[in-house]
């Protein structure tokens, strides 16, 4: 039987209705946390995650949070506040997972200003203000986990702006660790490589050559699964990771070694 290491904790997972976010929400729920599953558009998918957590014996609720616009963090926390009283009368949160993001961008020559602004708004500005406005709710000893990317440490000109957002997110993580350390709050990034999710489905699934190429990039010789990332997040959210902060945890399976 799984040890419920996060019993009594409240977790917020952005982009929690699909892919990596879905796996994270379900894993944290199995570990005992009450999970706020934040979603941008697909309410049905978010409710399916909630139901899955509940079937596994956990507690969860869905909340709508479309990111990338001014005021998005305030709207997210307002939705959180409207639900959390049923689970935590003090309105507190213990774990913030900034997972929502735009996964692709264009090369330098073709990237538009609007596309640049959009990817930075979702991938950098939203996590920044979600944390800023969540600090009064975040309990001492809490956890901030930002989902970065292996693209932050590799030269990938075809997704130049995306890689830049993840580099910025890692710098944000580093500074959070320093600023919030006196409260016992840890801040870490998890940096996945190629993961078999809906975002990559159009070129990866059903394409043996693409899958073989993606697998060959990892030292471990396969394409990553959402659960590979979720399990790392669960460790960082637990008390076992109390002495780890300000780090970028590589979750690429050894890509680019």
C-alpha atoms as a PDB file:
ATOM      1  CA  UNK A   1       0.000   0.000   0.000  1.00  0.00           C
ATOM      2  CA  UNK A   2       1.354   3.441  -0.970  1.00  0.00           C
ATOM      3  CA  UNK A   3       2.424   5.691   1.903  1.00  0.00           C
ATOM      4  CA  UNK A   4       0.378   8.892   1.815  1.00  0.00           C
ATOM      5  CA  UNK A   5       3.327  11.209   2.340  1.00  0.00           C
ATOM      6  CA  UNK A   6       1.339  14.355   1.525  1.00  0.00           C
ATOM      7  CA  UNK A   7      -1.651  13.712   3.773  1.00  0.00           C
ATOM      8  CA  UNK A   8      -3.197  17.008   4.877  1.00  0.00           C
ATOM      9  CA  UNK A   9      -1.392  19.057   2.220  1.00  0.00           C
ATOM     10  CA  UNK A  10      -3.075  21.302  -0.348  1.00  0.00           C
ATOM     11  CA  UNK A  11      -1.559  21.340  -3.834  1.00  0.00           C
ATOM     12  CA  UNK A  12      -2.227  23.602  -6.818  1.00  0.00           C
ATOM     13  CA  UNK A  13      -1.273  22.236 -10.248  1.00  0.00           C
ATOM     14  CA  UNK A  14      -1.650  24.546 -13.244  1.00  0.00           C
ATOM     15  CA  UNK A  15      -2.288  22.879 -16.566  1.00  0.00           C
ATOM     16  CA  UNK A  16      -3.518  19.929 -14.561  1.00  0.00           C
ATOM     17  CA  UNK A  17      -6.067  18.548 -17.010  1.00  0.00           C
ATOM     18  CA  UNK A  18      -3.717  16.873 -19.480  1.00  0.00           C
ATOM     19  CA  UNK A  19      -0.265  15.478 -20.111  1.00  0.00           C
ATOM     20  CA  UNK A  20       2.387  16.045 -17.475  1.00  0.00           C
ATOM     21  CA  UNK A  21       0.053  18.150 -15.347  1.00  0.00           C
ATOM     22  CA  UNK A  22      -2.545  15.400 -15.282  1.00  0.00           C
ATOM     23  CA  UNK A  23       0.051  12.840 -14.162  1.00  0.00           C
ATOM     24  CA  UNK A  24       1.312  15.222 -11.477  1.00  0.00           C
ATOM     25  CA  UNK A  25      -2.170  15.917 -10.127  1.00  0.00           C
ATOM     26  CA  UNK A  26      -2.997  12.213  -9.978  1.00  0.00           C
ATOM     27  CA  UNK A  27       0.292  11.307  -8.285  1.00  0.00           C
ATOM     28  CA  UNK A  28       0.013  14.046  -5.653  1.00  0.00           C
ATOM     29  CA  UNK A  29      -3.562  12.944  -5.012  1.00  0.00           C
ATOM     30  CA  UNK A  30      -2.467   9.345  -4.500  1.00  0.00           C
ATOM     31  CA  UNK A  31       0.134  10.598  -2.055  1.00  0.00           C
ATOM     32  CA  UNK A  32      -2.588  12.206   0.040  1.00  0.00           C
ATOM     33  CA  UNK A  33      -2.653  15.838  -1.078  1.00  0.00           C
ATOM     34  CA  UNK A  34      -5.885  17.642  -1.863  1.00  0.00           C
ATOM     35  CA  UNK A  35      -5.286  18.786  -5.430  1.00  0.00           C
ATOM     36  CA  UNK A  36      -6.604  21.906  -7.127  1.00  0.00           C
ATOM     37  CA  UNK A  37      -6.598  20.982 -10.822  1.00  0.00           C
ATOM     38  CA  UNK A  38      -6.309  24.253 -12.738  1.00  0.00           C
ATOM     39  CA  UNK A  39      -7.296  24.157 -16.396  1.00  0.00           C
ATOM     40  CA  UNK A  40      -7.531  26.691 -19.219  1.00  0.00           C
ATOM     41  CA  UNK A  41     -10.197  25.329 -21.568  1.00  0.00           C
ATOM     42  CA  UNK A  42     -11.049  21.648 -21.182  1.00  0.00           C
ATOM     43  CA  UNK A  43     -13.371  21.433 -18.184  1.00  0.00           C
ATOM     44  CA  UNK A  44     -14.334  17.864 -19.044  1.00  0.00           C
ATOM     45  CA  UNK A  45     -10.734  16.702 -18.939  1.00  0.00           C
ATOM     46  CA  UNK A  46     -10.152  18.513 -15.628  1.00  0.00           C
ATOM     47  CA  UNK A  47     -13.202  16.854 -14.106  1.00  0.00           C
ATOM     48  CA  UNK A  48     -11.916  13.490 -15.317  1.00  0.00           C
ATOM     49  CA  UNK A  49      -8.685  14.110 -13.395  1.00  0.00           C
ATOM     50  CA  UNK A  50     -10.687  15.008 -10.290  1.00  0.00           C
ATOM     51  CA  UNK A  51     -12.685  11.800 -10.638  1.00  0.00           C
ATOM     52  CA  UNK A  52      -9.512   9.760 -11.081  1.00  0.00           C
ATOM     53  CA  UNK A  53      -8.007  11.235  -7.928  1.00  0.00           C
ATOM     54  CA  UNK A  54     -11.195  10.517  -6.020  1.00  0.00           C
ATOM     55  CA  UNK A  55     -11.323   6.913  -7.283  1.00  0.00           C
ATOM     56  CA  UNK A  56      -7.789   6.487  -5.977  1.00  0.00           C
ATOM     57  CA  UNK A  57      -8.969   7.607  -2.541  1.00  0.00           C
ATOM     58  CA  UNK A  58      -7.838  11.218  -2.763  1.00  0.00           C
ATOM     59  CA  UNK A  59      -9.480  14.625  -2.829  1.00  0.00           C
ATOM     60  CA  UNK A  60      -9.450  17.139  -5.675  1.00  0.00           C
ATOM     61  CA  UNK A  61     -11.364  19.960  -7.272  1.00  0.00           C
ATOM     62  CA  UNK A  62     -11.151  21.683 -10.652  1.00  0.00           C
ATOM     63  CA  UNK A  63     -10.780  25.412 -11.176  1.00  0.00           C
ATOM     64  CA  UNK A  64     -10.756  27.458 -14.348  1.00  0.00           C
ATOM     65  CA  UNK A  65      -7.584  29.471 -14.917  1.00  0.00           C
ATOM     66  CA  UNK A  66      -6.788  30.712 -18.411  1.00  0.00           C
ATOM     67  CA  UNK A  67      -3.267  32.087 -18.294  1.00  0.00           C
ATOM     68  CA  UNK A  68      -1.443  34.571 -20.503  1.00  0.00           C
ATOM     69  CA  UNK A  69      -3.490  37.692 -19.800  1.00  0.00           C
ATOM     70  CA  UNK A  70      -3.026  40.501 -17.296  1.00  0.00           C
ATOM     71  CA  UNK A  71      -4.921  39.623 -14.149  1.00  0.00           C
ATOM     72  CA  UNK A  72      -4.676  35.874 -14.759  1.00  0.00           C
ATOM     73  CA  UNK A  73      -2.971  35.151 -11.438  1.00  0.00           C
ATOM     74  CA  UNK A  74      -5.583  37.110  -9.513  1.00  0.00           C
ATOM     75  CA  UNK A  75      -8.360  35.195 -11.297  1.00  0.00           C
ATOM     76  CA  UNK A  76      -6.690  31.870 -10.531  1.00  0.00           C
ATOM     77  CA  UNK A  77      -6.367  32.629  -6.820  1.00  0.00           C
ATOM     78  CA  UNK A  78      -9.940  33.935  -6.678  1.00  0.00           C
ATOM     79  CA  UNK A  79     -11.123  30.599  -8.100  1.00  0.00           C
ATOM     80  CA  UNK A  80      -8.889  28.752  -5.638  1.00  0.00           C
ATOM     81  CA  UNK A  81     -10.275  30.743  -2.702  1.00  0.00           C
ATOM     82  CA  UNK A  82     -13.829  29.951  -3.782  1.00  0.00           C
ATOM     83  CA  UNK A  83     -13.184  26.198  -3.471  1.00  0.00           C
ATOM     84  CA  UNK A  84     -10.492  25.634  -0.884  1.00  0.00           C
ATOM     85  CA  UNK A  85     -12.511  26.478   2.244  1.00  0.00           C
ATOM     86  CA  UNK A  86     -14.157  23.073   2.052  1.00  0.00           C
ATOM     87  CA  UNK A  87     -10.732  21.453   2.410  1.00  0.00           C
ATOM     88  CA  UNK A  88      -8.615  24.002   4.309  1.00  0.00           C
ATOM     89  CA  UNK A  89     -10.506  26.595   6.378  1.00  0.00           C
ATOM     90  CA  UNK A  90      -7.422  28.841   6.544  1.00  0.00           C
ATOM     91  CA  UNK A  91      -7.288  29.042   2.735  1.00  0.00           C
ATOM     92  CA  UNK A  92      -3.675  27.926   2.706  1.00  0.00           C
ATOM     93  CA  UNK A  93      -1.687  26.046   0.093  1.00  0.00           C
ATOM     94  CA  UNK A  94       1.381  23.861   0.626  1.00  0.00           C
ATOM     95  CA  UNK A  95       2.497  22.973  -2.893  1.00  0.00           C
ATOM     96  CA  UNK A  96       2.433  25.145  -6.024  1.00  0.00           C
ATOM     97  CA  UNK A  97       3.264  23.387  -9.288  1.00  0.00           C
ATOM     98  CA  UNK A  98       3.639  25.783 -12.206  1.00  0.00           C
ATOM     99  CA  UNK A  99       3.151  23.314 -15.036  1.00  0.00           C
ATOM    100  CA  UNK A 100       0.954  25.159 -17.555  1.00  0.00           C
ATOM    101  CA  UNK A 101       2.866  26.363 -20.563  1.00  0.00           C
ATOM    102  CA  UNK A 102       3.015  26.866 -24.307  1.00  0.00           C
ATOM    103  CA  UNK A 103       5.172  24.054 -25.611  1.00  0.00           C
ATOM    104  CA  UNK A 104       6.399  25.320 -28.952  1.00  0.00           C
ATOM    105  CA  UNK A 105       7.616  28.468 -30.659  1.00  0.00           C
ATOM    106  CA  UNK A 106       9.012  29.446 -34.063  1.00  0.00           C
ATOM    107  CA  UNK A 107      12.583  29.988 -35.184  1.00  0.00           C
ATOM    108  CA  UNK A 108      14.208  33.415 -34.908  1.00  0.00           C
ATOM    109  CA  UNK A 109      13.469  34.570 -38.441  1.00  0.00           C
ATOM    110  CA  UNK A 110       9.758  33.733 -38.337  1.00  0.00           C
ATOM    111  CA  UNK A 111       8.838  34.494 -34.725  1.00  0.00           C
ATOM    112  CA  UNK A 112       6.334  37.336 -34.446  1.00  0.00           C
ATOM    113  CA  UNK A 113       6.132  39.837 -31.617  1.00  0.00           C
ATOM    114  CA  UNK A 114       2.673  38.564 -30.685  1.00  0.00           C
ATOM    115  CA  UNK A 115       3.873  34.959 -30.508  1.00  0.00           C
ATOM    116  CA  UNK A 116       6.880  36.024 -28.448  1.00  0.00           C
ATOM    117  CA  UNK A 117       4.668  37.929 -26.020  1.00  0.00           C
ATOM    118  CA  UNK A 118       2.260  35.004 -25.716  1.00  0.00           C
ATOM    119  CA  UNK A 119       4.853  32.362 -24.871  1.00  0.00           C
ATOM    120  CA  UNK A 120       6.502  34.607 -22.271  1.00  0.00           C
ATOM    121  CA  UNK A 121       3.136  35.611 -20.803  1.00  0.00           C
ATOM    122  CA  UNK A 122       2.120  32.001 -20.190  1.00  0.00           C
ATOM    123  CA  UNK A 123       5.498  30.431 -19.408  1.00  0.00           C
ATOM    124  CA  UNK A 124       7.131  33.198 -17.346  1.00  0.00           C
ATOM    125  CA  UNK A 125       4.804  36.019 -16.346  1.00  0.00           C
ATOM    126  CA  UNK A 126       1.995  33.761 -15.146  1.00  0.00           C
ATOM    127  CA  UNK A 127       4.196  31.631 -12.827  1.00  0.00           C
ATOM    128  CA  UNK A 128       5.848  34.790 -11.489  1.00  0.00           C
ATOM    129  CA  UNK A 129       2.592  36.407 -10.426  1.00  0.00           C
ATOM    130  CA  UNK A 130       0.973  33.147  -9.342  1.00  0.00           C
ATOM    131  CA  UNK A 131       3.778  32.793  -6.819  1.00  0.00           C
ATOM    132  CA  UNK A 132       3.835  36.478  -5.919  1.00  0.00           C
ATOM    133  CA  UNK A 133       0.118  36.559  -5.205  1.00  0.00           C
ATOM    134  CA  UNK A 134       0.166  33.137  -3.584  1.00  0.00           C
ATOM    135  CA  UNK A 135       2.793  33.961  -0.974  1.00  0.00           C
ATOM    136  CA  UNK A 136       0.244  35.008   1.641  1.00  0.00           C
ATOM    137  CA  UNK A 137      -1.465  31.641   1.171  1.00  0.00           C
ATOM    138  CA  UNK A 138       1.696  29.511   0.934  1.00  0.00           C
ATOM    139  CA  UNK A 139       2.403  27.933   4.276  1.00  0.00           C
ATOM    140  CA  UNK A 140       5.858  27.859   5.851  1.00  0.00           C
ATOM    141  CA  UNK A 141       7.648  24.683   4.832  1.00  0.00           C
ATOM    142  CA  UNK A 142       5.846  24.723   1.488  1.00  0.00           C
ATOM    143  CA  UNK A 143       7.022  23.707  -1.959  1.00  0.00           C
ATOM    144  CA  UNK A 144       7.234  25.557  -5.272  1.00  0.00           C
ATOM    145  CA  UNK A 145       7.931  23.320  -8.263  1.00  0.00           C
ATOM    146  CA  UNK A 146       8.305  24.873 -11.698  1.00  0.00           C
ATOM    147  CA  UNK A 147       8.143  22.676 -14.788  1.00  0.00           C
ATOM    148  CA  UNK A 148      11.026  23.784 -16.972  1.00  0.00           C
ATOM    149  CA  UNK A 149      12.534  21.962 -19.951  1.00  0.00           C
ATOM    150  CA  UNK A 150      15.740  20.417 -21.170  1.00  0.00           C
ATOM    151  CA  UNK A 151      15.501  23.092 -23.877  1.00  0.00           C
ATOM    152  CA  UNK A 152      16.812  25.595 -21.329  1.00  0.00           C
ATOM    153  CA  UNK A 153      20.289  24.024 -21.491  1.00  0.00           C
ATOM    154  CA  UNK A 154      20.422  23.024 -25.162  1.00  0.00           C
ATOM    155  CA  UNK A 155      20.752  25.110 -28.310  1.00  0.00           C
ATOM    156  CA  UNK A 156      17.488  24.518 -30.178  1.00  0.00           C
ATOM    157  CA  UNK A 157      17.088  27.496 -32.539  1.00  0.00           C
ATOM    158  CA  UNK A 158      13.821  26.148 -33.951  1.00  0.00           C
ATOM    159  CA  UNK A 159      12.127  26.811 -30.569  1.00  0.00           C
ATOM    160  CA  UNK A 160      14.305  29.716 -29.477  1.00  0.00           C
ATOM    161  CA  UNK A 161      11.683  31.688 -27.534  1.00  0.00           C
ATOM    162  CA  UNK A 162      10.373  28.606 -25.743  1.00  0.00           C
ATOM    163  CA  UNK A 163      13.879  27.731 -24.572  1.00  0.00           C
ATOM    164  CA  UNK A 164      14.376  31.299 -23.397  1.00  0.00           C
ATOM    165  CA  UNK A 165      11.204  31.160 -21.295  1.00  0.00           C
ATOM    166  CA  UNK A 166      12.414  28.036 -19.538  1.00  0.00           C
ATOM    167  CA  UNK A 167      15.803  29.604 -18.856  1.00  0.00           C
ATOM    168  CA  UNK A 168      13.978  32.547 -17.293  1.00  0.00           C
ATOM    169  CA  UNK A 169      11.850  30.161 -15.230  1.00  0.00           C
ATOM    170  CA  UNK A 170      14.968  28.458 -13.876  1.00  0.00           C
ATOM    171  CA  UNK A 171      16.411  31.825 -12.842  1.00  0.00           C
ATOM    172  CA  UNK A 172      13.109  32.616 -11.144  1.00  0.00           C
ATOM    173  CA  UNK A 173      13.356  29.311  -9.267  1.00  0.00           C
ATOM    174  CA  UNK A 174      16.879  30.116  -8.088  1.00  0.00           C
ATOM    175  CA  UNK A 175      15.831  33.472  -6.693  1.00  0.00           C
ATOM    176  CA  UNK A 176      12.725  32.059  -5.026  1.00  0.00           C
ATOM    177  CA  UNK A 177      14.866  29.503  -3.213  1.00  0.00           C
ATOM    178  CA  UNK A 178      17.049  32.259  -1.783  1.00  0.00           C
ATOM    179  CA  UNK A 179      14.202  34.584  -0.841  1.00  0.00           C
ATOM    180  CA  UNK A 180      11.859  32.008   0.669  1.00  0.00           C
ATOM    181  CA  UNK A 181      14.414  29.748   2.321  1.00  0.00           C
ATOM    182  CA  UNK A 182      14.065  31.467   5.714  1.00  0.00           C
ATOM    183  CA  UNK A 183      10.444  30.267   5.749  1.00  0.00           C
ATOM    184  CA  UNK A 184      11.484  26.690   5.077  1.00  0.00           C
ATOM    185  CA  UNK A 185       9.963  26.896   1.585  1.00  0.00           C
ATOM    186  CA  UNK A 186      11.865  25.096  -1.163  1.00  0.00           C
ATOM    187  CA  UNK A 187      11.793  26.037  -4.840  1.00  0.00           C
ATOM    188  CA  UNK A 188      12.997  23.732  -7.594  1.00  0.00           C
ATOM    189  CA  UNK A 189      12.608  23.240 -11.330  1.00  0.00           C
ATOM    190  CA  UNK A 190      12.012  19.936 -13.102  1.00  0.00           C
ATOM    191  CA  UNK A 191      13.260  19.875 -16.686  1.00  0.00           C
ATOM    192  CA  UNK A 192      11.684  17.191 -18.915  1.00  0.00           C
ATOM    193  CA  UNK A 193      12.909  16.205 -22.359  1.00  0.00           C
ATOM    194  CA  UNK A 194      10.637  14.735 -25.027  1.00  0.00           C
ATOM    195  CA  UNK A 195       7.543  13.358 -23.303  1.00  0.00           C
ATOM    196  CA  UNK A 196       4.763  11.354 -24.924  1.00  0.00           C
ATOM    197  CA  UNK A 197       1.889  13.801 -24.423  1.00  0.00           C
ATOM    198  CA  UNK A 198      -0.856  15.290 -26.590  1.00  0.00           C
ATOM    199  CA  UNK A 199       1.446  18.239 -27.336  1.00  0.00           C
ATOM    200  CA  UNK A 200       3.855  15.929 -29.167  1.00  0.00           C
ATOM    201  CA  UNK A 201       1.255  13.505 -30.504  1.00  0.00           C
ATOM    202  CA  UNK A 202       1.048  15.000 -34.009  1.00  0.00           C
ATOM    203  CA  UNK A 203       4.649  14.145 -34.873  1.00  0.00           C
ATOM    204  CA  UNK A 204       5.477  11.393 -32.372  1.00  0.00           C
ATOM    205  CA  UNK A 205       2.595   8.941 -32.058  1.00  0.00           C
ATOM    206  CA  UNK A 206       2.065   6.494 -34.870  1.00  0.00           C
ATOM    207  CA  UNK A 207       5.401   7.468 -36.411  1.00  0.00           C
ATOM    208  CA  UNK A 208       7.974   4.724 -35.692  1.00  0.00           C
ATOM    209  CA  UNK A 209      10.833   6.726 -37.195  1.00  0.00           C
ATOM    210  CA  UNK A 210      10.066   9.780 -35.072  1.00  0.00           C
ATOM    211  CA  UNK A 211       9.690   7.663 -31.964  1.00  0.00           C
ATOM    212  CA  UNK A 212      12.953   5.855 -32.617  1.00  0.00           C
ATOM    213  CA  UNK A 213      14.754   9.159 -33.144  1.00  0.00           C
ATOM    214  CA  UNK A 214      13.294  10.664 -29.965  1.00  0.00           C
ATOM    215  CA  UNK A 215      14.257   7.570 -27.997  1.00  0.00           C
ATOM    216  CA  UNK A 216      17.806   7.683 -29.372  1.00  0.00           C
ATOM    217  CA  UNK A 217      18.329  11.153 -27.914  1.00  0.00           C
ATOM    218  CA  UNK A 218      17.991   9.837 -24.361  1.00  0.00           C
ATOM    219  CA  UNK A 219      20.772   7.873 -22.720  1.00  0.00           C
ATOM    220  CA  UNK A 220      18.089   5.584 -21.288  1.00  0.00           C
ATOM    221  CA  UNK A 221      16.895   4.772 -24.791  1.00  0.00           C
ATOM    222  CA  UNK A 222      13.177   5.520 -24.728  1.00  0.00           C
ATOM    223  CA  UNK A 223      10.663   8.342 -24.927  1.00  0.00           C
ATOM    224  CA  UNK A 224       9.673   9.818 -21.585  1.00  0.00           C
ATOM    225  CA  UNK A 225       6.229   9.313 -20.073  1.00  0.00           C
ATOM    226  CA  UNK A 226       4.269  11.873 -18.008  1.00  0.00           C
ATOM    227  CA  UNK A 227       4.628   9.633 -14.940  1.00  0.00           C
ATOM    228  CA  UNK A 228       8.427   9.883 -15.204  1.00  0.00           C
ATOM    229  CA  UNK A 229       8.108  13.592 -14.466  1.00  0.00           C
ATOM    230  CA  UNK A 230       5.262  13.277 -11.967  1.00  0.00           C
ATOM    231  CA  UNK A 231       7.277  10.937  -9.755  1.00  0.00           C
ATOM    232  CA  UNK A 232      10.107  13.473  -9.534  1.00  0.00           C
ATOM    233  CA  UNK A 233       7.628  16.212  -8.655  1.00  0.00           C
ATOM    234  CA  UNK A 234       6.157  13.989  -5.935  1.00  0.00           C
ATOM    235  CA  UNK A 235       9.614  13.566  -4.416  1.00  0.00           C
ATOM    236  CA  UNK A 236      10.247  17.322  -4.432  1.00  0.00           C
ATOM    237  CA  UNK A 237       6.832  17.909  -2.854  1.00  0.00           C
ATOM    238  CA  UNK A 238       7.567  15.477  -0.036  1.00  0.00           C
ATOM    239  CA  UNK A 239       9.497  15.923   3.172  1.00  0.00           C
ATOM    240  CA  UNK A 240      12.202  13.668   1.724  1.00  0.00           C
ATOM    241  CA  UNK A 241      13.275  16.642  -0.428  1.00  0.00           C
ATOM    242  CA  UNK A 242      13.411  19.124   2.450  1.00  0.00           C
ATOM    243  CA  UNK A 243      17.138  19.785   1.877  1.00  0.00           C
ATOM    244  CA  UNK A 244      16.877  20.315  -1.900  1.00  0.00           C
ATOM    245  CA  UNK A 245      16.242  23.849  -3.131  1.00  0.00           C
ATOM    246  CA  UNK A 246      17.264  26.150  -5.938  1.00  0.00           C
ATOM    247  CA  UNK A 247      17.990  23.198  -8.223  1.00  0.00           C
ATOM    248  CA  UNK A 248      17.053  22.229 -11.761  1.00  0.00           C
ATOM    249  CA  UNK A 249      16.347  18.485 -11.743  1.00  0.00           C
ATOM    250  CA  UNK A 250      17.050  16.980 -15.161  1.00  0.00           C
ATOM    251  CA  UNK A 251      14.187  14.745 -16.283  1.00  0.00           C
ATOM    252  CA  UNK A 252      15.292  14.110 -19.846  1.00  0.00           C
ATOM    253  CA  UNK A 253      16.467  10.522 -19.450  1.00  0.00           C
ATOM    254  CA  UNK A 254      19.987  11.728 -20.153  1.00  0.00           C
ATOM    255  CA  UNK A 255      19.312  13.623 -23.370  1.00  0.00           C
ATOM    256  CA  UNK A 256      22.183  15.587 -24.842  1.00  0.00           C
ATOM    257  CA  UNK A 257      24.902  13.939 -22.768  1.00  0.00           C
END
